């Protein structure tokens, strides 16, 4: 929502806002009046209100998706969507356009440090990270769509992968130009971000850039400088000869790709603190999550980060622990219900030369800083 606020103001709207707590994202909204309180006072008379998913049932107004659809309609837009890799791919596209002087605007679901944040307000193409989690991507009408892949990642919304695929096909039928990342060979040129999954992201980004008038040769030279988005295989630091990483992965396919990239034939021990995200996903994918985590040497699993969901009886992080213990008997695996418990557990086990990674789409990233402080 902070990104939308920035872009709306840059494009001529008068903007005000509300949130329950002050977050780092508010720091970039200088000059916008933000009310911080437990409950909002409501928009002034005659104002249009747009409400995030988290508060949609409590506050009257249009949805976040309504605002995004309006912004996309106002510009030549390229929307990047898919179950995995959309943040990195949209970041790559925006980075290349910006470095090549094309003056893009962008709305991305994470900070891209080299771009200075999650939003840009240029006058060129608008690069948007789309989200299928609530089906509202079908309302977006860009000139170009880049689909990284299709997978079942939101079990509270979709009953099968076929339902996800049907949504995408219905959406793409209304888009003039489409890139399907699954049909592309991985990019084999220089990349500053590790992992085969990022080579596939790069291939999709380059194909999308070609559709907006940037040659592969131009983009490849710039892409080699891209260092990734926040919380996407992000190297948080080194202390005591231990490297600490953080990653937003929350689906088995994403976790497997992250651990494969960190292994990379290094032979170094790999310790993981994993925070399951959503009760619905944990209930349906506990075994698959365990299969992906089995590539590590030591795993600590916290309780579920609920986000927008209510607790489900019997669904905790221990489901993943039990499945992992069954999958790899004898592996050192622990259920550490809180993030702090998990950080302390791993801090007592690490030794020089190890790699530690915090994984999950909740607040597990705060453990990376705690680990570095302890190790230091």
Protein backbone atom coordinates (compact mmCIF):
# COMPACT_ATOMS: atom_id res chain seq x y z
CA UNK A 1 0.00 0.00 0.00
CA UNK A 2 2.90 2.38 0.64
CA UNK A 3 4.06 1.84 -2.94
CA UNK A 4 0.58 2.60 -4.29
CA UNK A 5 0.45 5.75 -2.17
CA UNK A 6 3.74 6.99 -3.64
CA UNK A 7 2.67 6.37 -7.21
CA UNK A 8 -0.81 7.85 -6.74
CA UNK A 9 0.69 11.05 -5.34
CA UNK A 10 3.28 11.25 -8.12
CA UNK A 11 0.51 10.94 -10.69
CA UNK A 12 -1.45 13.84 -9.24
CA UNK A 13 -3.65 12.52 -6.43
CA UNK A 14 -3.87 14.02 -2.96
CA UNK A 15 -3.08 11.15 -0.58
CA UNK A 16 -3.63 10.45 3.11
CA UNK A 17 -3.29 7.15 4.96
CA UNK A 18 -3.72 5.09 8.09
CA UNK A 19 -1.91 2.16 9.72
CA UNK A 20 -1.90 0.52 13.11
CA UNK A 21 1.87 0.72 13.61
CA UNK A 22 4.74 2.72 12.21
CA UNK A 23 6.86 0.60 9.86
CA UNK A 24 10.02 1.33 7.84
CA UNK A 25 7.86 1.63 4.72
CA UNK A 26 6.29 4.81 6.10
CA UNK A 27 9.67 6.54 6.06
CA UNK A 28 9.51 6.84 2.27
CA UNK A 29 6.09 8.56 2.44
CA UNK A 30 7.48 11.94 3.46
CA UNK A 31 4.90 14.64 2.94
CA UNK A 32 1.93 12.25 3.14
CA UNK A 33 -0.22 12.55 6.27
CA UNK A 34 -0.31 9.08 7.90
CA UNK A 35 -2.51 8.46 10.93
CA UNK A 36 -1.14 5.87 13.38
CA UNK A 37 -3.85 4.45 15.65
CA UNK A 38 -5.59 1.22 16.59
CA UNK A 39 -8.64 2.21 14.55
CA UNK A 40 -8.85 4.65 11.62
CA UNK A 41 -10.92 7.80 11.86
CA UNK A 42 -12.11 7.18 8.30
CA UNK A 43 -11.53 9.14 5.10
CA UNK A 44 -12.66 12.77 4.83
CA UNK A 45 -15.97 13.41 3.09
CA UNK A 46 -15.71 13.04 -0.66
CA UNK A 47 -12.47 11.07 -0.56
CA UNK A 48 -12.03 7.65 -2.12
CA UNK A 49 -10.74 4.97 0.26
CA UNK A 50 -8.64 1.97 -0.76
CA UNK A 51 -8.19 -0.75 1.85
CA UNK A 52 -5.55 -3.47 2.12
CA UNK A 53 -6.60 -7.11 2.29
CA UNK A 54 -5.82 -7.21 6.00
CA UNK A 55 -8.53 -4.64 6.82
CA UNK A 56 -11.03 -5.20 4.00
CA UNK A 57 -13.65 -6.70 6.32
CA UNK A 58 -13.40 -3.88 8.88
CA UNK A 59 -13.16 -0.72 6.79
CA UNK A 60 -15.48 0.45 4.03
CA UNK A 61 -13.78 1.18 0.73
CA UNK A 62 -12.45 -0.20 -2.49
CA UNK A 63 -9.80 -2.92 -2.45
CA UNK A 64 -6.07 -2.76 -2.99
CA UNK A 65 -6.70 -4.63 -6.25
CA UNK A 66 -9.12 -1.93 -7.44
CA UNK A 67 -6.44 0.70 -7.01
CA UNK A 68 -3.82 -1.42 -8.74
CA UNK A 69 -6.14 -2.02 -11.71
CA UNK A 70 -6.70 1.73 -11.98
CA UNK A 71 -2.96 2.48 -11.91
CA UNK A 72 -2.22 -0.21 -14.52
CA UNK A 73 -4.90 1.24 -16.81
CA UNK A 74 -3.29 4.69 -16.73
CA UNK A 75 0.04 3.68 -18.29
CA UNK A 76 1.69 1.31 -20.75
CA UNK A 77 2.16 -1.48 -18.22
CA UNK A 78 3.96 -4.80 -17.93
CA UNK A 79 2.63 -7.13 -15.22
CA UNK A 80 4.79 -9.97 -13.90
CA UNK A 81 2.86 -12.81 -12.29
CA UNK A 82 3.27 -16.45 -11.28
CA UNK A 83 3.61 -18.58 -8.18
CA UNK A 84 7.37 -18.18 -7.83
CA UNK A 85 9.96 -15.62 -8.92
CA UNK A 86 7.68 -12.68 -9.74
CA UNK A 87 9.37 -10.27 -7.31
CA UNK A 88 12.86 -10.97 -8.66
CA UNK A 89 11.70 -10.94 -12.29
CA UNK A 90 9.81 -7.66 -11.97
CA UNK A 91 12.83 -6.23 -10.14
CA UNK A 92 15.10 -7.29 -13.00
CA UNK A 93 12.85 -5.64 -15.58
CA UNK A 94 12.53 -2.38 -13.66
CA UNK A 95 16.28 -2.32 -12.96
CA UNK A 96 17.18 -2.76 -16.62
CA UNK A 97 14.70 -0.11 -17.76
CA UNK A 98 15.97 2.33 -15.14
CA UNK A 99 19.66 1.76 -15.86
CA UNK A 100 19.05 2.08 -19.61
CA UNK A 101 17.45 5.48 -19.16
CA UNK A 102 13.86 4.42 -19.96
CA UNK A 103 12.49 6.21 -16.84
CA UNK A 104 10.14 3.44 -15.63
CA UNK A 105 7.63 3.45 -12.82
CA UNK A 106 7.34 0.30 -10.73
CA UNK A 107 5.31 -1.40 -8.01
CA UNK A 108 7.16 -4.41 -6.59
CA UNK A 109 6.33 -6.59 -3.59
CA UNK A 110 9.70 -6.06 -1.88
CA UNK A 111 12.44 -3.48 -1.63
CA UNK A 112 14.94 -3.55 -4.47
CA UNK A 113 17.97 -1.83 -2.89
CA UNK A 114 19.53 -0.83 -6.21
CA UNK A 115 16.31 0.94 -7.15
CA UNK A 116 15.89 2.62 -3.78
CA UNK A 117 12.69 0.88 -2.68
CA UNK A 118 9.57 -0.95 -3.78
CA UNK A 119 8.10 1.86 -5.88
CA UNK A 120 9.29 4.17 -8.61
CA UNK A 121 7.47 7.11 -10.16
CA UNK A 122 9.02 7.54 -13.61
CA UNK A 123 7.19 8.54 -16.77
CA UNK A 124 7.97 5.43 -18.83
CA UNK A 125 6.58 1.90 -18.69
CA UNK A 126 4.92 0.83 -15.43
CA UNK A 127 6.32 -2.48 -14.12
CA UNK A 128 3.95 -4.26 -11.73
CA UNK A 129 4.21 -7.43 -9.68
CA UNK A 130 0.82 -9.13 -9.98
CA UNK A 131 -0.68 -11.49 -7.40
CA UNK A 132 -3.07 -14.35 -8.03
CA UNK A 133 -3.76 -15.12 -4.35
CA UNK A 134 -7.24 -13.53 -4.35
CA UNK A 135 -8.00 -13.96 -8.08
CA UNK A 136 -7.97 -10.20 -8.65
CA UNK A 137 -5.16 -10.41 -11.20
CA UNK A 138 -7.93 -11.12 -13.72
CA UNK A 139 -8.92 -7.44 -13.43
CA UNK A 140 -5.54 -6.10 -14.62
CA UNK A 141 -5.24 -4.98 -18.25
CA UNK A 142 -1.56 -4.48 -19.09
CA UNK A 143 -0.04 -4.36 -22.57
CA UNK A 144 2.45 -7.10 -21.63
CA UNK A 145 2.21 -10.00 -19.19
CA UNK A 146 5.13 -12.13 -18.01
CA UNK A 147 4.13 -15.39 -16.30
CA UNK A 148 7.05 -17.01 -14.53
CA UNK A 149 5.26 -20.29 -13.72
CA UNK A 150 1.91 -21.67 -12.53
CA UNK A 151 1.64 -23.61 -9.28
CA UNK A 152 -0.83 -24.16 -6.43
CA UNK A 153 0.34 -21.87 -3.64
CA UNK A 154 -2.89 -20.49 -2.13
CA UNK A 155 -4.99 -23.36 -0.83
CA UNK A 156 -7.58 -21.12 0.79
CA UNK A 157 -8.43 -19.68 -2.64
CA UNK A 158 -7.91 -22.55 -5.09
CA UNK A 159 -8.90 -26.19 -4.89
CA UNK A 160 -6.42 -27.42 -7.49
CA UNK A 161 -3.61 -26.37 -9.80
CA UNK A 162 -6.09 -26.61 -12.66
CA UNK A 163 -8.12 -23.79 -11.09
CA UNK A 164 -5.00 -21.62 -10.96
CA UNK A 165 -4.20 -22.39 -14.59
CA UNK A 166 -7.77 -21.55 -15.63
CA UNK A 167 -7.54 -18.15 -13.92
CA UNK A 168 -4.30 -17.35 -15.73
CA UNK A 169 -5.64 -18.41 -19.11
CA UNK A 170 -8.77 -16.27 -18.64
CA UNK A 171 -6.59 -13.29 -17.71
CA UNK A 172 -4.04 -13.74 -20.48
CA UNK A 173 -6.77 -13.93 -23.11
CA UNK A 174 -7.19 -10.16 -22.61
CA UNK A 175 -3.48 -9.26 -22.75
CA UNK A 176 -1.97 -8.35 -26.15
CA UNK A 177 1.55 -9.76 -25.55
CA UNK A 178 2.47 -12.65 -23.24
CA UNK A 179 5.73 -14.26 -22.08
CA UNK A 180 5.47 -17.75 -20.59
CA UNK A 181 8.58 -18.36 -18.53
CA UNK A 182 8.05 -22.12 -18.34
CA UNK A 183 8.60 -22.32 -22.11
CA UNK A 184 11.98 -20.55 -22.02
CA UNK A 185 15.45 -22.02 -21.59
CA UNK A 186 17.31 -20.69 -18.52
CA UNK A 187 19.47 -17.65 -19.19
CA UNK A 188 23.11 -18.69 -19.59
CA UNK A 189 24.77 -15.30 -19.40
CA UNK A 190 26.46 -13.56 -16.37
CA UNK A 191 24.21 -13.16 -13.19
CA UNK A 192 24.98 -11.62 -9.87
CA UNK A 193 22.14 -13.58 -8.21
CA UNK A 194 22.69 -17.27 -7.57
CA UNK A 195 20.61 -20.29 -8.45
CA UNK A 196 19.06 -21.96 -11.49
CA UNK A 197 15.69 -20.47 -10.51
CA UNK A 198 17.16 -17.01 -10.99
CA UNK A 199 18.50 -18.02 -14.42
CA UNK A 200 14.88 -18.82 -15.31
CA UNK A 201 13.74 -15.52 -13.84
CA UNK A 202 16.34 -13.75 -15.96
CA UNK A 203 15.16 -15.51 -19.12
CA UNK A 204 11.60 -14.34 -18.46
CA UNK A 205 12.78 -10.79 -17.71
CA UNK A 206 14.78 -10.58 -20.94
CA UNK A 207 11.83 -11.85 -22.99
CA UNK A 208 9.55 -9.27 -21.37
CA UNK A 209 12.04 -6.48 -22.00
CA UNK A 210 12.21 -7.38 -25.68
CA UNK A 211 8.45 -6.86 -25.90
CA UNK A 212 8.81 -3.30 -24.57
CA UNK A 213 11.59 -2.41 -27.00
CA UNK A 214 14.79 -3.35 -25.15
CA UNK A 215 17.09 -5.68 -27.07
CA UNK A 216 18.52 -8.78 -25.42
CA UNK A 217 22.03 -7.44 -25.96
CA UNK A 218 21.27 -4.15 -24.19
CA UNK A 219 19.52 -5.82 -21.27
CA UNK A 220 22.06 -8.62 -20.75
CA UNK A 221 24.86 -6.18 -20.07
CA UNK A 222 22.83 -4.42 -17.39
CA UNK A 223 21.32 -7.57 -15.90
CA UNK A 224 24.77 -8.77 -14.85
CA UNK A 225 24.78 -5.92 -12.28
CA UNK A 226 21.44 -6.82 -10.66
CA UNK A 227 21.94 -8.03 -7.09
CA UNK A 228 18.39 -9.01 -6.21
CA UNK A 229 15.46 -7.91 -4.08
CA UNK A 230 15.25 -7.83 -0.32
CA UNK A 231 14.57 -11.20 1.31
CA UNK A 232 15.34 -13.08 -1.92
CA UNK A 233 18.41 -15.14 -1.08
CA UNK A 234 19.67 -12.02 0.67
CA UNK A 235 23.09 -12.23 2.31
CA UNK A 236 22.52 -10.52 5.64
CA UNK A 237 26.10 -10.67 6.84
CA UNK A 238 28.97 -12.72 8.23
CA UNK A 239 30.12 -13.21 11.80
CA UNK A 240 32.50 -15.75 13.28
CA UNK A 241 33.11 -17.12 9.77
CA UNK A 242 29.41 -17.99 9.52
CA UNK A 243 27.39 -16.55 6.61
CA UNK A 244 23.77 -15.66 7.38
CA UNK A 245 21.12 -15.44 4.65
CA UNK A 246 17.41 -14.67 4.58
CA UNK A 247 14.83 -15.77 2.03
CA UNK A 248 11.10 -15.20 1.54
CA UNK A 249 10.49 -18.77 0.28
CA UNK A 250 7.31 -20.34 1.65
CA UNK A 251 6.37 -22.97 -0.94
CA UNK A 252 8.24 -26.30 -1.28
CA UNK A 253 9.45 -25.43 -4.79
CA UNK A 254 10.86 -22.13 -3.58
CA UNK A 255 12.55 -23.68 -0.54
CA UNK A 256 14.15 -26.37 -2.70
CA UNK A 257 15.49 -23.73 -5.11
CA UNK A 258 16.88 -21.62 -2.26
CA UNK A 259 18.69 -24.51 -0.59
CA UNK A 260 20.05 -25.75 -3.93
CA UNK A 261 21.47 -22.30 -4.65
CA UNK A 262 23.09 -22.12 -1.18
CA UNK A 263 24.58 -25.60 -1.52
CA UNK A 264 26.05 -24.91 -4.95
CA UNK A 265 28.61 -27.67 -4.48
CA UNK A 266 30.24 -25.83 -1.58
CA UNK A 267 30.28 -28.74 0.87
CA UNK A 268 29.51 -26.33 3.71
CA UNK A 269 27.00 -27.25 6.41
CA UNK A 270 23.60 -25.66 5.91
CA UNK A 271 21.41 -24.77 8.91
CA UNK A 272 17.82 -23.58 8.39
CA UNK A 273 15.28 -21.76 10.51
CA UNK A 274 11.92 -22.21 8.76
CA UNK A 275 8.69 -20.41 9.62
CA UNK A 276 5.62 -21.97 7.92
CA UNK A 277 3.31 -19.37 6.37
CA UNK A 278 -0.49 -19.79 6.55
CA UNK A 279 -2.39 -22.63 8.21
CA UNK A 280 -3.97 -23.70 4.93
CA UNK A 281 -0.62 -24.09 3.19
CA UNK A 282 0.93 -25.94 6.16
CA UNK A 283 -1.99 -28.34 6.41
CA UNK A 284 -1.87 -29.23 2.71
CA UNK A 285 1.90 -29.18 2.12
CA UNK A 286 3.54 -30.35 5.37
CA UNK A 287 5.12 -33.40 3.71
CA UNK A 288 6.22 -31.47 0.64
CA UNK A 289 7.75 -28.79 2.86
CA UNK A 290 9.63 -31.51 4.73
CA UNK A 291 10.88 -33.00 1.45
CA UNK A 292 12.35 -29.63 0.48
CA UNK A 293 13.90 -28.96 3.90
CA UNK A 294 15.52 -32.40 3.88
CA UNK A 295 18.30 -30.92 1.72
CA UNK A 296 19.64 -29.07 4.79
CA UNK A 297 21.87 -30.46 7.56
CA UNK A 298 20.04 -28.97 10.56
CA UNK A 299 16.49 -27.58 10.61
CA UNK A 300 14.52 -25.69 13.23
CA UNK A 301 10.82 -25.07 12.51
CA UNK A 302 8.74 -22.38 14.23
CA UNK A 303 5.01 -22.24 14.62
CA UNK A 304 2.85 -21.04 11.73
CA UNK A 305 2.80 -17.36 10.77
CA UNK A 306 -0.96 -16.81 10.36
CA UNK A 307 -0.99 -13.63 8.26
CA UNK A 308 -4.66 -13.22 7.29
CA UNK A 309 -5.86 -16.67 8.50
CA UNK A 310 -7.41 -17.86 11.73
CA UNK A 311 -5.79 -20.81 13.58
CA UNK A 312 -6.77 -24.33 12.49
CA UNK A 313 -6.96 -26.98 15.20
CA UNK A 314 -4.09 -29.43 14.97
CA UNK A 315 -2.11 -27.41 12.41
CA UNK A 316 1.23 -26.21 13.80
CA UNK A 317 4.84 -26.18 12.70
CA UNK A 318 5.23 -29.55 14.37
CA UNK A 319 3.49 -31.14 11.37
CA UNK A 320 6.53 -30.21 9.30
CA UNK A 321 8.93 -31.40 12.01
CA UNK A 322 7.22 -34.79 12.25
CA UNK A 323 7.20 -35.21 8.47
CA UNK A 324 10.89 -34.24 8.27
CA UNK A 325 11.86 -36.68 11.05
CA UNK A 326 10.06 -39.41 9.11
CA UNK A 327 11.66 -38.32 5.84
CA UNK A 328 15.22 -38.25 7.26
CA UNK A 329 15.53 -40.38 10.40
CA UNK A 330 18.43 -39.24 12.54
CA UNK A 331 18.52 -35.72 11.11
CA UNK A 332 18.88 -32.97 13.70
CA UNK A 333 15.49 -31.26 13.50
CA UNK A 334 13.64 -29.34 16.20
CA UNK A 335 10.32 -27.64 16.72
CA UNK A 336 11.11 -24.23 18.18
CA UNK A 337 7.71 -22.53 18.40
CA UNK A 338 8.94 -18.93 18.51
CA UNK A 339 11.39 -17.23 16.16
CA UNK A 340 13.58 -16.39 19.16
CA UNK A 341 13.64 -20.04 20.22
CA UNK A 342 14.78 -21.03 16.74
CA UNK A 343 17.52 -18.40 16.60
CA UNK A 344 18.88 -19.48 19.97
CA UNK A 345 18.76 -23.15 18.97
CA UNK A 346 20.78 -22.61 15.80
CA UNK A 347 23.20 -20.19 17.47
CA UNK A 348 24.18 -22.98 19.86
CA UNK A 349 24.99 -25.34 16.98
CA UNK A 350 26.76 -23.29 14.33
CA UNK A 351 30.47 -23.52 13.75
CA UNK A 352 32.95 -21.70 11.53
CA UNK A 353 32.32 -22.31 7.85
CA UNK A 354 28.57 -22.91 8.17
CA UNK A 355 25.82 -21.20 6.25
CA UNK A 356 22.62 -20.30 8.11
CA UNK A 357 19.41 -19.23 6.36
CA UNK A 358 16.11 -17.98 7.75
CA UNK A 359 13.23 -18.95 5.46
CA UNK A 360 9.58 -17.90 5.39
CA UNK A 361 7.14 -15.17 4.35
CA UNK A 362 6.34 -13.99 7.88
CA UNK A 363 8.61 -12.23 10.38
CA UNK A 364 11.34 -14.88 10.58
CA UNK A 365 13.75 -12.43 8.94
CA UNK A 366 14.25 -10.74 12.31
CA UNK A 367 16.10 -13.88 13.44
CA UNK A 368 18.87 -13.20 10.91
CA UNK A 369 19.85 -10.02 12.72
CA UNK A 370 19.65 -11.77 16.11
CA UNK A 371 21.89 -14.57 14.88
CA UNK A 372 24.49 -12.15 13.57
CA UNK A 373 24.46 -10.23 16.84
CA UNK A 374 24.90 -13.44 18.87
CA UNK A 375 27.63 -14.78 16.62
CA UNK A 376 29.41 -11.44 16.65
